């Protein structure tokens, strides 16, 4: 086992333990837990067997395996950013509704006095 394999193994085990603790604390639901655990397993597979990426690259017609990793990583990041954007938009709408309702309640309380 080379130094990079040891570093990857330590990182993946650390990340998996943190993911499990977030599930245990209730900060992650089961679907998010499974999603992140699969990601960490993929990191381990790519780290220990980088030839897998070259096989995938050959299948989909990309020259190098690392390019495949970069392309899929960029796609995944864009998708995660999109999900965060949608979630933030919903939170902003919820906050606006709460503030509006609170302001109307205070206004109605003052006008009833």
PDB file of N, CA and C in Angstrom:
ATOM      1  N   UNK A   1       0.855  -1.180   0.000  1.00  0.00           N
ATOM      2  CA  UNK A   1       0.000   0.000   0.000  1.00  0.00           C
ATOM      3  C   UNK A   1       0.896   1.237   0.000  1.00  0.00           C
ATOM      4  N   UNK A   2       0.628   2.137  -0.920  1.00  0.00           N
ATOM      5  CA  UNK A   2       1.438   3.350  -1.024  1.00  0.00           C
ATOM      6  C   UNK A   2       0.922   4.419  -0.069  1.00  0.00           C
ATOM      7  N   UNK A   3       1.673   5.492   0.034  1.00  0.00           N
ATOM      8  CA  UNK A   3       1.299   6.593   0.922  1.00  0.00           C
ATOM      9  C   UNK A   3      -0.043   7.191   0.519  1.00  0.00           C
ATOM     10  N   UNK A   4      -0.274   7.349  -0.768  1.00  0.00           N
ATOM     11  CA  UNK A   4      -1.541   7.940  -1.223  1.00  0.00           C
ATOM     12  C   UNK A   4      -2.718   7.042  -0.867  1.00  0.00           C
ATOM     13  N   UNK A   5      -2.522   5.731  -0.922  1.00  0.00           N
ATOM     14  CA  UNK A   5      -3.595   4.814  -0.533  1.00  0.00           C
ATOM     15  C   UNK A   5      -3.918   4.954   0.953  1.00  0.00           C
ATOM     16  N   UNK A   6      -2.895   5.126   1.769  1.00  0.00           N
ATOM     17  CA  UNK A   6      -3.110   5.305   3.211  1.00  0.00           C
ATOM     18  C   UNK A   6      -3.859   6.604   3.469  1.00  0.00           C
ATOM     19  N   UNK A   7      -3.461   7.671   2.789  1.00  0.00           N
ATOM     20  CA  UNK A   7      -4.135   8.969   2.952  1.00  0.00           C
ATOM     21  C   UNK A   7      -5.593   8.871   2.515  1.00  0.00           C
ATOM     22  N   UNK A   8      -5.830   8.232   1.384  1.00  0.00           N
ATOM     23  CA  UNK A   8      -7.205   8.076   0.894  1.00  0.00           C
ATOM     24  C   UNK A   8      -8.028   7.256   1.874  1.00  0.00           C
ATOM     25  N   UNK A   9      -7.457   6.167   2.378  1.00  0.00           N
ATOM     26  CA  UNK A   9      -8.183   5.313   3.322  1.00  0.00           C
ATOM     27  C   UNK A   9      -8.536   6.077   4.591  1.00  0.00           C
ATOM     28  N   UNK A  10      -7.591   6.832   5.128  1.00  0.00           N
ATOM     29  CA  UNK A  10      -7.858   7.613   6.342  1.00  0.00           C
ATOM     30  C   UNK A  10      -8.935   8.657   6.071  1.00  0.00           C
ATOM     31  N   UNK A  11      -8.819   9.357   4.946  1.00  0.00           N
ATOM     32  CA  UNK A  11      -9.806  10.383   4.607  1.00  0.00           C
ATOM     33  C   UNK A  11     -11.201   9.786   4.451  1.00  0.00           C
ATOM     34  N   UNK A  12     -11.300   8.679   3.713  1.00  0.00           N
ATOM     35  CA  UNK A  12     -12.610   8.063   3.468  1.00  0.00           C
ATOM     36  C   UNK A  12     -13.211   7.554   4.772  1.00  0.00           C
ATOM     37  N   UNK A  13     -12.408   6.917   5.609  1.00  0.00           N
ATOM     38  CA  UNK A  13     -12.926   6.435   6.893  1.00  0.00           C
ATOM     39  C   UNK A  13     -13.374   7.594   7.778  1.00  0.00           C
ATOM     40  N   UNK A  14     -12.602   8.682   7.788  1.00  0.00           N
ATOM     41  CA  UNK A  14     -12.987   9.865   8.554  1.00  0.00           C
ATOM     42  C   UNK A  14     -14.301  10.446   8.030  1.00  0.00           C
ATOM     43  N   UNK A  15     -14.402  10.589   6.715  1.00  0.00           N
ATOM     44  CA  UNK A  15     -15.617  11.152   6.116  1.00  0.00           C
ATOM     45  C   UNK A  15     -16.824  10.261   6.387  1.00  0.00           C
ATOM     46  N   UNK A  16     -16.638   8.951   6.292  1.00  0.00           N
ATOM     47  CA  UNK A  16     -17.748   8.028   6.564  1.00  0.00           C
ATOM     48  C   UNK A  16     -18.173   8.102   8.026  1.00  0.00           C
ATOM     49  N   UNK A  17     -17.206   8.220   8.923  1.00  0.00           N
ATOM     50  CA  UNK A  17     -17.560   8.316  10.345  1.00  0.00           C
ATOM     51  C   UNK A  17     -18.325   9.605  10.627  1.00  0.00           C
ATOM     52  N   UNK A  18     -17.907  10.705  10.015  1.00  0.00           N
ATOM     53  CA  UNK A  18     -18.621  11.981  10.195  1.00  0.00           C
ATOM     54  C   UNK A  18     -20.037  11.894   9.616  1.00  0.00           C
ATOM     55  N   UNK A  19     -20.163  11.240   8.486  1.00  0.00           N
ATOM     56  CA  UNK A  19     -21.479  11.078   7.866  1.00  0.00           C
ATOM     57  C   UNK A  19     -22.389  10.257   8.768  1.00  0.00           C
ATOM     58  N   UNK A  20     -21.852   9.187   9.334  1.00  0.00           N
ATOM     59  CA  UNK A  20     -22.643   8.355  10.249  1.00  0.00           C
ATOM     60  C   UNK A  20     -23.054   9.150  11.485  1.00  0.00           C
ATOM     61  N   UNK A  21     -22.137   9.940  12.032  1.00  0.00           N
ATOM     62  CA  UNK A  21     -22.471  10.740  13.212  1.00  0.00           C
ATOM     63  C   UNK A  21     -23.559  11.762  12.902  1.00  0.00           C
ATOM     64  N   UNK A  22     -23.549  12.338  11.699  1.00  0.00           N
ATOM     65  CA  UNK A  22     -24.605  13.290  11.311  1.00  0.00           C
ATOM     66  C   UNK A  22     -25.956  12.584  11.215  1.00  0.00           C
ATOM     67  N   UNK A  23     -25.950  11.334  10.736  1.00  0.00           N
ATOM     68  CA  UNK A  23     -27.187  10.550  10.692  1.00  0.00           C
ATOM     69  C   UNK A  23     -27.669  10.262  12.105  1.00  0.00           C
ATOM     70  N   UNK A  24     -26.757   9.861  12.953  1.00  0.00           N
ATOM     71  CA  UNK A  24     -27.094   9.512  14.335  1.00  0.00           C
ATOM     72  C   UNK A  24     -27.638  10.721  15.103  1.00  0.00           C
ATOM     73  N   UNK A  25     -27.084  11.917  14.820  1.00  0.00           N
ATOM     74  CA  UNK A  25     -27.539  13.147  15.476  1.00  0.00           C
ATOM     75  C   UNK A  25     -28.837  13.680  14.889  1.00  0.00           C
ATOM     76  N   UNK A  26     -29.298  13.085  13.797  1.00  0.00           N
ATOM     77  CA  UNK A  26     -30.528  13.532  13.164  1.00  0.00           C
ATOM     78  C   UNK A  26     -30.336  14.684  12.196  1.00  0.00           C
ATOM     79  N   UNK A  27     -29.100  15.026  11.881  1.00  0.00           N
ATOM     80  CA  UNK A  27     -28.833  16.120  10.954  1.00  0.00           C
ATOM     81  C   UNK A  27     -28.937  15.682   9.497  1.00  0.00           C
ATOM     82  N   UNK A  28     -28.875  14.367   9.245  1.00  0.00           N
ATOM     83  CA  UNK A  28     -29.036  13.813   7.903  1.00  0.00           C
ATOM     84  C   UNK A  28     -30.182  12.820   7.913  1.00  0.00           C
ATOM     85  N   UNK A  29     -30.963  12.814   6.837  1.00  0.00           N
ATOM     86  CA  UNK A  29     -31.957  11.754   6.706  1.00  0.00           C
ATOM     87  C   UNK A  29     -31.299  10.555   6.037  1.00  0.00           C
ATOM     88  N   UNK A  30     -32.016   9.465   5.949  1.00  0.00           N
ATOM     89  CA  UNK A  30     -31.436   8.222   5.441  1.00  0.00           C
ATOM     90  C   UNK A  30     -31.016   8.347   3.977  1.00  0.00           C
ATOM     91  N   UNK A  31     -31.763   9.118   3.190  1.00  0.00           N
ATOM     92  CA  UNK A  31     -31.420   9.274   1.775  1.00  0.00           C
ATOM     93  C   UNK A  31     -30.123  10.064   1.601  1.00  0.00           C
ATOM     94  N   UNK A  32     -29.962  11.131   2.366  1.00  0.00           N
ATOM     95  CA  UNK A  32     -28.714  11.896   2.316  1.00  0.00           C
ATOM     96  C   UNK A  32     -27.550  11.046   2.817  1.00  0.00           C
ATOM     97  N   UNK A  33     -27.797  10.252   3.850  1.00  0.00           N
ATOM     98  CA  UNK A  33     -26.761   9.360   4.370  1.00  0.00           C
ATOM     99  C   UNK A  33     -26.295   8.379   3.295  1.00  0.00           C
ATOM    100  N   UNK A  34     -27.237   7.751   2.625  1.00  0.00           N
ATOM    101  CA  UNK A  34     -26.892   6.792   1.570  1.00  0.00           C
ATOM    102  C   UNK A  34     -26.151   7.493   0.433  1.00  0.00           C
ATOM    103  N   UNK A  35     -26.632   8.681   0.044  1.00  0.00           N
ATOM    104  CA  UNK A  35     -25.977   9.450  -1.016  1.00  0.00           C
ATOM    105  C   UNK A  35     -24.514   9.717  -0.678  1.00  0.00           C
ATOM    106  N   UNK A  36     -24.257  10.219   0.533  1.00  0.00           N
ATOM    107  CA  UNK A  36     -22.885  10.556   0.906  1.00  0.00           C
ATOM    108  C   UNK A  36     -22.023   9.317   1.108  1.00  0.00           C
ATOM    109  N   UNK A  37     -22.595   8.257   1.642  1.00  0.00           N
ATOM    110  CA  UNK A  37     -21.809   7.029   1.805  1.00  0.00           C
ATOM    111  C   UNK A  37     -21.405   6.470   0.440  1.00  0.00           C
ATOM    112  N   UNK A  38     -22.312   6.518  -0.525  1.00  0.00           N
ATOM    113  CA  UNK A  38     -21.965   6.066  -1.878  1.00  0.00           C
ATOM    114  C   UNK A  38     -20.858   6.934  -2.482  1.00  0.00           C
ATOM    115  N   UNK A  39     -20.912   8.228  -2.225  1.00  0.00           N
ATOM    116  CA  UNK A  39     -19.850   9.117  -2.705  1.00  0.00           C
ATOM    117  C   UNK A  39     -18.502   8.740  -2.106  1.00  0.00           C
ATOM    118  N   UNK A  40     -18.476   8.470  -0.802  1.00  0.00           N
ATOM    119  CA  UNK A  40     -17.206   8.115  -0.160  1.00  0.00           C
ATOM    120  C   UNK A  40     -16.700   6.764  -0.657  1.00  0.00           C
ATOM    121  N   UNK A  41     -17.608   5.837  -0.926  1.00  0.00           N
ATOM    122  CA  UNK A  41     -17.199   4.548  -1.493  1.00  0.00           C
ATOM    123  C   UNK A  41     -16.602   4.758  -2.885  1.00  0.00           C
ATOM    124  N   UNK A  42     -17.223   5.630  -3.684  1.00  0.00           N
ATOM    125  CA  UNK A  42     -16.675   5.932  -5.016  1.00  0.00           C
ATOM    126  C   UNK A  42     -15.287   6.564  -4.929  1.00  0.00           C
ATOM    127  N   UNK A  43     -15.097   7.443  -3.953  1.00  0.00           N
ATOM    128  CA  UNK A  43     -13.776   8.044  -3.759  1.00  0.00           C
ATOM    129  C   UNK A  43     -12.752   6.955  -3.448  1.00  0.00           C
ATOM    130  N   UNK A  44     -13.129   6.015  -2.588  1.00  0.00           N
ATOM    131  CA  UNK A  44     -12.213   4.922  -2.247  1.00  0.00           C
ATOM    132  C   UNK A  44     -11.912   4.050  -3.462  1.00  0.00           C
ATOM    133  N   UNK A  45     -12.935   3.713  -4.227  1.00  0.00           N
ATOM    134  CA  UNK A  45     -12.734   2.868  -5.414  1.00  0.00           C
ATOM    135  C   UNK A  45     -11.808   3.555  -6.410  1.00  0.00           C
ATOM    136  N   UNK A  46     -12.069   4.828  -6.678  1.00  0.00           N
ATOM    137  CA  UNK A  46     -11.232   5.570  -7.627  1.00  0.00           C
ATOM    138  C   UNK A  46      -9.814   5.727  -7.084  1.00  0.00           C
ATOM    139  N   UNK A  47      -9.696   5.935  -5.779  1.00  0.00           N
ATOM    140  CA  UNK A  47      -8.371   6.091  -5.181  1.00  0.00           C
ATOM    141  C   UNK A  47      -7.546   4.815  -5.195  1.00  0.00           C
ATOM    142  N   UNK A  48      -8.184   3.681  -4.945  1.00  0.00           N
ATOM    143  CA  UNK A  48      -7.458   2.415  -4.882  1.00  0.00           C
ATOM    144  C   UNK A  48      -7.304   1.751  -6.249  1.00  0.00           C
ATOM    145  N   UNK A  49      -8.278   1.949  -7.122  1.00  0.00           N
ATOM    146  CA  UNK A  49      -8.244   1.338  -8.449  1.00  0.00           C
ATOM    147  C   UNK A  49      -8.516   2.390  -9.522  1.00  0.00           C
ATOM    148  N   UNK A  50      -7.548   3.253  -9.786  1.00  0.00           N
ATOM    149  CA  UNK A  50      -7.775   4.328 -10.758  1.00  0.00           C
ATOM    150  C   UNK A  50      -8.028   3.826 -12.177  1.00  0.00           C
ATOM    151  N   UNK A  51      -7.658   2.592 -12.474  1.00  0.00           N
ATOM    152  CA  UNK A  51      -7.912   2.037 -13.800  1.00  0.00           C
ATOM    153  C   UNK A  51      -9.387   1.920 -14.121  1.00  0.00           C
ATOM    154  N   UNK A  52     -10.223   1.892 -13.078  1.00  0.00           N
ATOM    155  CA  UNK A  52     -11.675   1.832 -13.277  1.00  0.00           C
ATOM    156  C   UNK A  52     -12.143   3.048 -14.065  1.00  0.00           C
ATOM    157  N   UNK A  53     -11.563   4.201 -13.764  1.00  0.00           N
ATOM    158  CA  UNK A  53     -11.983   5.417 -14.469  1.00  0.00           C
ATOM    159  C   UNK A  53     -11.616   5.358 -15.947  1.00  0.00           C
ATOM    160  N   UNK A  54     -10.496   4.716 -16.259  1.00  0.00           N
ATOM    161  CA  UNK A  54     -10.105   4.590 -17.663  1.00  0.00           C
ATOM    162  C   UNK A  54     -11.062   3.671 -18.411  1.00  0.00           C
ATOM    163  N   UNK A  55     -11.509   2.613 -17.759  1.00  0.00           N
ATOM    164  CA  UNK A  55     -12.482   1.717 -18.400  1.00  0.00           C
ATOM    165  C   UNK A  55     -13.788   2.452 -18.684  1.00  0.00           C
ATOM    166  N   UNK A  56     -14.231   3.239 -17.714  1.00  0.00           N
ATOM    167  CA  UNK A  56     -15.460   4.022 -17.908  1.00  0.00           C
ATOM    168  C   UNK A  56     -15.253   5.039 -19.030  1.00  0.00           C
ATOM    169  N   UNK A  57     -14.081   5.675 -19.042  1.00  0.00           N
ATOM    170  CA  UNK A  57     -13.772   6.656 -20.093  1.00  0.00           C
ATOM    171  C   UNK A  57     -13.799   6.006 -21.469  1.00  0.00           C
ATOM    172  N   UNK A  58     -13.254   4.802 -21.570  1.00  0.00           N
ATOM    173  CA  UNK A  58     -13.267   4.095 -22.858  1.00  0.00           C
ATOM    174  C   UNK A  58     -14.688   3.790 -23.311  1.00  0.00           C
ATOM    175  N   UNK A  59     -15.546   3.432 -22.370  1.00  0.00           N
ATOM    176  CA  UNK A  59     -16.934   3.093 -22.707  1.00  0.00           C
ATOM    177  C   UNK A  59     -17.686   4.307 -23.235  1.00  0.00           C
ATOM    178  N   UNK A  60     -17.483   5.465 -22.590  1.00  0.00           N
ATOM    179  CA  UNK A  60     -18.258   6.643 -22.995  1.00  0.00           C
ATOM    180  C   UNK A  60     -17.517   7.526 -24.000  1.00  0.00           C
ATOM    181  N   UNK A  61     -16.297   7.140 -24.365  1.00  0.00           N
ATOM    182  CA  UNK A  61     -15.599   7.844 -25.432  1.00  0.00           C
ATOM    183  C   UNK A  61     -14.776   9.037 -25.001  1.00  0.00           C
ATOM    184  N   UNK A  62     -14.275   9.023 -23.784  1.00  0.00           N
ATOM    185  CA  UNK A  62     -13.401  10.094 -23.301  1.00  0.00           C
ATOM    186  C   UNK A  62     -11.975   9.547 -23.291  1.00  0.00           C
ATOM    187  N   UNK A  63     -11.007  10.404 -23.588  1.00  0.00           N
ATOM    188  CA  UNK A  63      -9.624   9.941 -23.747  1.00  0.00           C
ATOM    189  C   UNK A  63      -8.997   9.413 -22.455  1.00  0.00           C
ATOM    190  N   UNK A  64      -9.104  10.185 -21.376  1.00  0.00           N
ATOM    191  CA  UNK A  64      -8.413   9.808 -20.139  1.00  0.00           C
ATOM    192  C   UNK A  64      -9.401   9.601 -19.000  1.00  0.00           C
ATOM    193  N   UNK A  65      -9.028   8.730 -18.078  1.00  0.00           N
ATOM    194  CA  UNK A  65      -9.877   8.439 -16.930  1.00  0.00           C
ATOM    195  C   UNK A  65     -10.069   9.631 -16.017  1.00  0.00           C
ATOM    196  N   UNK A  66      -9.009  10.410 -15.826  1.00  0.00           N
ATOM    197  CA  UNK A  66      -9.113  11.574 -14.949  1.00  0.00           C
ATOM    198  C   UNK A  66     -10.078  12.599 -15.520  1.00  0.00           C
ATOM    199  N   UNK A  67     -10.136  12.700 -16.847  1.00  0.00           N
ATOM    200  CA  UNK A  67     -11.103  13.606 -17.472  1.00  0.00           C
ATOM    201  C   UNK A  67     -12.530  13.175 -17.143  1.00  0.00           C
ATOM    202  N   UNK A  68     -12.753  11.883 -17.125  1.00  0.00           N
ATOM    203  CA  UNK A  68     -14.075  11.364 -16.768  1.00  0.00           C
ATOM    204  C   UNK A  68     -14.445  11.777 -15.355  1.00  0.00           C
ATOM    205  N   UNK A  69     -13.494  11.635 -14.440  1.00  0.00           N
ATOM    206  CA  UNK A  69     -13.737  12.023 -13.045  1.00  0.00           C
ATOM    207  C   UNK A  69     -14.055  13.508 -12.962  1.00  0.00           C
ATOM    208  N   UNK A  70     -13.290  14.326 -13.657  1.00  0.00           N
ATOM    209  CA  UNK A  70     -13.509  15.775 -13.626  1.00  0.00           C
ATOM    210  C   UNK A  70     -14.874  16.127 -14.211  1.00  0.00           C
ATOM    211  N   UNK A  71     -15.233  15.540 -15.349  1.00  0.00           N
ATOM    212  CA  UNK A  71     -16.524  15.842 -15.975  1.00  0.00           C
ATOM    213  C   UNK A  71     -17.684  15.464 -15.063  1.00  0.00           C
ATOM    214  N   UNK A  72     -17.636  14.262 -14.509  1.00  0.00           N
ATOM    215  CA  UNK A  72     -18.721  13.835 -13.632  1.00  0.00           C
ATOM    216  C   UNK A  72     -18.755  14.644 -12.336  1.00  0.00           C
ATOM    217  N   UNK A  73     -17.582  15.040 -11.847  1.00  0.00           N
ATOM    218  CA  UNK A  73     -17.537  15.873 -10.646  1.00  0.00           C
ATOM    219  C   UNK A  73     -18.177  17.231 -10.901  1.00  0.00           C
ATOM    220  N   UNK A  74     -17.884  17.814 -12.049  1.00  0.00           N
ATOM    221  CA  UNK A  74     -18.486  19.110 -12.389  1.00  0.00           C
ATOM    222  C   UNK A  74     -19.998  18.976 -12.516  1.00  0.00           C
ATOM    223  N   UNK A  75     -20.450  17.920 -13.165  1.00  0.00           N
ATOM    224  CA  UNK A  75     -21.898  17.692 -13.269  1.00  0.00           C
ATOM    225  C   UNK A  75     -22.536  17.547 -11.890  1.00  0.00           C
ATOM    226  N   UNK A  76     -21.895  16.782 -11.024  1.00  0.00           N
ATOM    227  CA  UNK A  76     -22.429  16.582  -9.673  1.00  0.00           C
ATOM    228  C   UNK A  76     -22.461  17.898  -8.902  1.00  0.00           C
ATOM    229  N   UNK A  77     -21.411  18.700  -9.036  1.00  0.00           N
ATOM    230  CA  UNK A  77     -21.385  19.986  -8.343  1.00  0.00           C
ATOM    231  C   UNK A  77     -22.474  20.926  -8.844  1.00  0.00           C
ATOM    232  N   UNK A  78     -22.673  20.974 -10.152  1.00  0.00           N
ATOM    233  CA  UNK A  78     -23.750  21.809 -10.682  1.00  0.00           C
ATOM    234  C   UNK A  78     -25.108  21.346 -10.165  1.00  0.00           C
ATOM    235  N   UNK A  79     -25.318  20.042 -10.113  1.00  0.00           N
ATOM    236  CA  UNK A  79     -26.585  19.525  -9.605  1.00  0.00           C
ATOM    237  C   UNK A  79     -26.766  19.894  -8.137  1.00  0.00           C
ATOM    238  N   UNK A  80     -25.715  19.745  -7.325  1.00  0.00           N
ATOM    239  CA  UNK A  80     -25.817  20.096  -5.910  1.00  0.00           C
ATOM    240  C   UNK A  80     -26.054  21.592  -5.726  1.00  0.00           C
ATOM    241  N   UNK A  81     -25.407  22.418  -6.536  1.00  0.00           N
ATOM    242  CA  UNK A  81     -25.640  23.862  -6.465  1.00  0.00           C
ATOM    243  C   UNK A  81     -27.086  24.183  -6.828  1.00  0.00           C
ATOM    244  N   UNK A  82     -27.605  23.529  -7.848  1.00  0.00           N
ATOM    245  CA  UNK A  82     -29.006  23.725  -8.234  1.00  0.00           C
ATOM    246  C   UNK A  82     -29.936  23.360  -7.082  1.00  0.00           C
ATOM    247  N   UNK A  83     -29.688  22.211  -6.447  1.00  0.00           N
ATOM    248  CA  UNK A  83     -30.524  21.784  -5.318  1.00  0.00           C
ATOM    249  C   UNK A  83     -30.468  22.800  -4.182  1.00  0.00           C
ATOM    250  N   UNK A  84     -29.272  23.309  -3.895  1.00  0.00           N
ATOM    251  CA  UNK A  84     -29.135  24.322  -2.853  1.00  0.00           C
ATOM    252  C   UNK A  84     -29.874  25.601  -3.228  1.00  0.00           C
ATOM    253  N   UNK A  85     -29.791  26.002  -4.485  1.00  0.00           N
ATOM    254  CA  UNK A  85     -30.484  27.199  -4.952  1.00  0.00           C
ATOM    255  C   UNK A  85     -31.988  27.063  -4.744  1.00  0.00           C
ATOM    256  N   UNK A  86     -32.543  25.923  -5.122  1.00  0.00           N
ATOM    257  CA  UNK A  86     -33.979  25.693  -4.960  1.00  0.00           C
ATOM    258  C   UNK A  86     -34.352  25.727  -3.483  1.00  0.00           C
ATOM    259  N   UNK A  87     -33.535  25.104  -2.654  1.00  0.00           N
ATOM    260  CA  UNK A  87     -33.818  25.074  -1.219  1.00  0.00           C
ATOM    261  C   UNK A  87     -33.764  26.479  -0.623  1.00  0.00           C
ATOM    262  N   UNK A  88     -32.783  27.279  -1.041  1.00  0.00           N
ATOM    263  CA  UNK A  88     -32.665  28.649  -0.548  1.00  0.00           C
ATOM    264  C   UNK A  88     -33.857  29.482  -0.998  1.00  0.00           C
ATOM    265  N   UNK A  89     -34.304  29.303  -2.232  1.00  0.00           N
ATOM    266  CA  UNK A  89     -35.479  30.029  -2.714  1.00  0.00           C
ATOM    267  C   UNK A  89     -36.705  29.708  -1.860  1.00  0.00           C
ATOM    268  N   UNK A  90     -36.891  28.440  -1.533  1.00  0.00           N
ATOM    269  CA  UNK A  90     -38.026  28.055  -0.687  1.00  0.00           C
ATOM    270  C   UNK A  90     -37.894  28.672   0.703  1.00  0.00           C
ATOM    271  N   UNK A  91     -36.688  28.684   1.251  1.00  0.00           N
ATOM    272  CA  UNK A  91     -36.480  29.291   2.563  1.00  0.00           C
ATOM    273  C   UNK A  91     -36.772  30.787   2.528  1.00  0.00           C
ATOM    274  N   UNK A  92     -36.344  31.466   1.479  1.00  0.00           N
ATOM    275  CA  UNK A  92     -36.623  32.896   1.352  1.00  0.00           C
ATOM    276  C   UNK A  92     -38.120  33.155   1.282  1.00  0.00           C
ATOM    277  N   UNK A  93     -38.846  32.334   0.546  1.00  0.00           N
ATOM    278  CA  UNK A  93     -40.298  32.486   0.466  1.00  0.00           C
ATOM    279  C   UNK A  93     -40.946  32.246   1.824  1.00  0.00           C
ATOM    280  N   UNK A  94     -40.477  31.232   2.542  1.00  0.00           N
ATOM    281  CA  UNK A  94     -41.025  30.949   3.870  1.00  0.00           C
ATOM    282  C   UNK A  94     -40.745  32.094   4.834  1.00  0.00           C
ATOM    283  N   UNK A  95     -39.531  32.637   4.799  1.00  0.00           N
ATOM    284  CA  UNK A  95     -39.179  33.757   5.678  1.00  0.00           C
ATOM    285  C   UNK A  95     -40.024  34.975   5.343  1.00  0.00           C
ATOM    286  N   UNK A  96     -40.205  35.257   4.067  1.00  0.00           N
ATOM    287  CA  UNK A  96     -41.032  36.388   3.652  1.00  0.00           C
ATOM    288  C   UNK A  96     -42.454  36.238   4.167  1.00  0.00           C
ATOM    289  N   UNK A  97     -43.005  35.033   4.066  1.00  0.00           N
ATOM    290  CA  UNK A  97     -44.369  34.792   4.537  1.00  0.00           C
ATOM    291  C   UNK A  97     -44.463  34.981   6.049  1.00  0.00           C
ATOM    292  N   UNK A  98     -43.493  34.465   6.786  1.00  0.00           N
ATOM    293  CA  UNK A  98     -43.514  34.596   8.245  1.00  0.00           C
ATOM    294  C   UNK A  98     -43.406  36.061   8.648  1.00  0.00           C
ATOM    295  N   UNK A  99     -42.492  36.802   8.028  1.00  0.00           N
ATOM    296  CA  UNK A  99     -42.314  38.218   8.357  1.00  0.00           C
ATOM    297  C   UNK A  99     -43.570  39.004   8.000  1.00  0.00           C
ATOM    298  N   UNK A 100     -44.156  38.713   6.858  1.00  0.00           N
ATOM    299  CA  UNK A 100     -45.375  39.407   6.436  1.00  0.00           C
ATOM    300  C   UNK A 100     -46.521  39.133   7.415  1.00  0.00           C
ATOM    301  N   UNK A 101     -46.700  37.869   7.778  1.00  0.00           N
ATOM    302  CA  UNK A 101     -47.765  37.514   8.719  1.00  0.00           C
ATOM    303  C   UNK A 101     -47.542  38.160  10.081  1.00  0.00           C
ATOM    304  N   UNK A 102     -46.297  38.173  10.533  1.00  0.00           N
ATOM    305  CA  UNK A 102     -45.978  38.789  11.826  1.00  0.00           C
ATOM    306  C   UNK A 102     -46.246  40.291  11.788  1.00  0.00           C
ATOM    307  N   UNK A 103     -45.873  40.950  10.699  1.00  0.00           N
ATOM    308  CA  UNK A 103     -46.111  42.390  10.569  1.00  0.00           C
ATOM    309  C   UNK A 103     -47.606  42.692  10.537  1.00  0.00           C
ATOM    310  N   UNK A 104     -48.375  41.882   9.822  1.00  0.00           N
ATOM    311  CA  UNK A 104     -49.825  42.094   9.780  1.00  0.00           C
ATOM    312  C   UNK A 104     -50.459  41.858  11.143  1.00  0.00           C
ATOM    313  N   UNK A 105     -49.980  40.848  11.867  1.00  0.00           N
ATOM    314  CA  UNK A 105     -50.505  40.598  13.213  1.00  0.00           C
ATOM    315  C   UNK A 105     -50.221  41.775  14.133  1.00  0.00           C
ATOM    316  N   UNK A 106     -49.012  42.323  14.087  1.00  0.00           N
ATOM    317  CA  UNK A 106     -48.679  43.479  14.922  1.00  0.00           C
ATOM    318  C   UNK A 106     -49.511  44.694  14.520  1.00  0.00           C
ATOM    319  N   UNK A 107     -49.703  44.890  13.223  1.00  0.00           N
ATOM    320  CA  UNK A 107     -50.508  46.010  12.745  1.00  0.00           C
ATOM    321  C   UNK A 107     -51.952  45.875  13.225  1.00  0.00           C
ATOM    322  N   UNK A 108     -52.499  44.668  13.121  1.00  0.00           N
ATOM    323  CA  UNK A 108     -53.876  44.437  13.562  1.00  0.00           C
ATOM    324  C   UNK A 108     -54.013  44.603  15.066  1.00  0.00           C
ATOM    325  N   UNK A 109     -53.006  44.181  15.832  1.00  0.00           N
ATOM    326  CA  UNK A 109     -53.045  44.356  17.283  1.00  0.00           C
ATOM    327  C   UNK A 109     -53.041  45.833  17.650  1.00  0.00           C
ATOM    328  N   UNK A 110     -52.246  46.647  16.962  1.00  0.00           N
ATOM    329  CA  UNK A 110     -52.181  48.080  17.247  1.00  0.00           C
ATOM    330  C   UNK A 110     -53.471  48.780  16.836  1.00  0.00           C
ATOM    331  N   UNK A 111     -54.083  48.350  15.747  1.00  0.00           N
ATOM    332  CA  UNK A 111     -55.303  49.009  15.287  1.00  0.00           C
ATOM    333  C   UNK A 111     -56.502  48.624  16.151  1.00  0.00           C
ATOM    334  N   UNK A 112     -56.436  47.502  16.840  1.00  0.00           N
ATOM    335  CA  UNK A 112     -57.530  47.080  17.718  1.00  0.00           C
ATOM    336  C   UNK A 112     -57.467  47.762  19.072  1.00  0.00           C
ATOM    337  N   UNK A 113     -56.361  48.395  19.403  1.00  0.00           N
ATOM    338  CA  UNK A 113     -56.232  49.039  20.718  1.00  0.00           C
ATOM    339  C   UNK A 113     -56.928  50.342  20.788  1.00  0.00           C
TER     340      UNK A 113
END
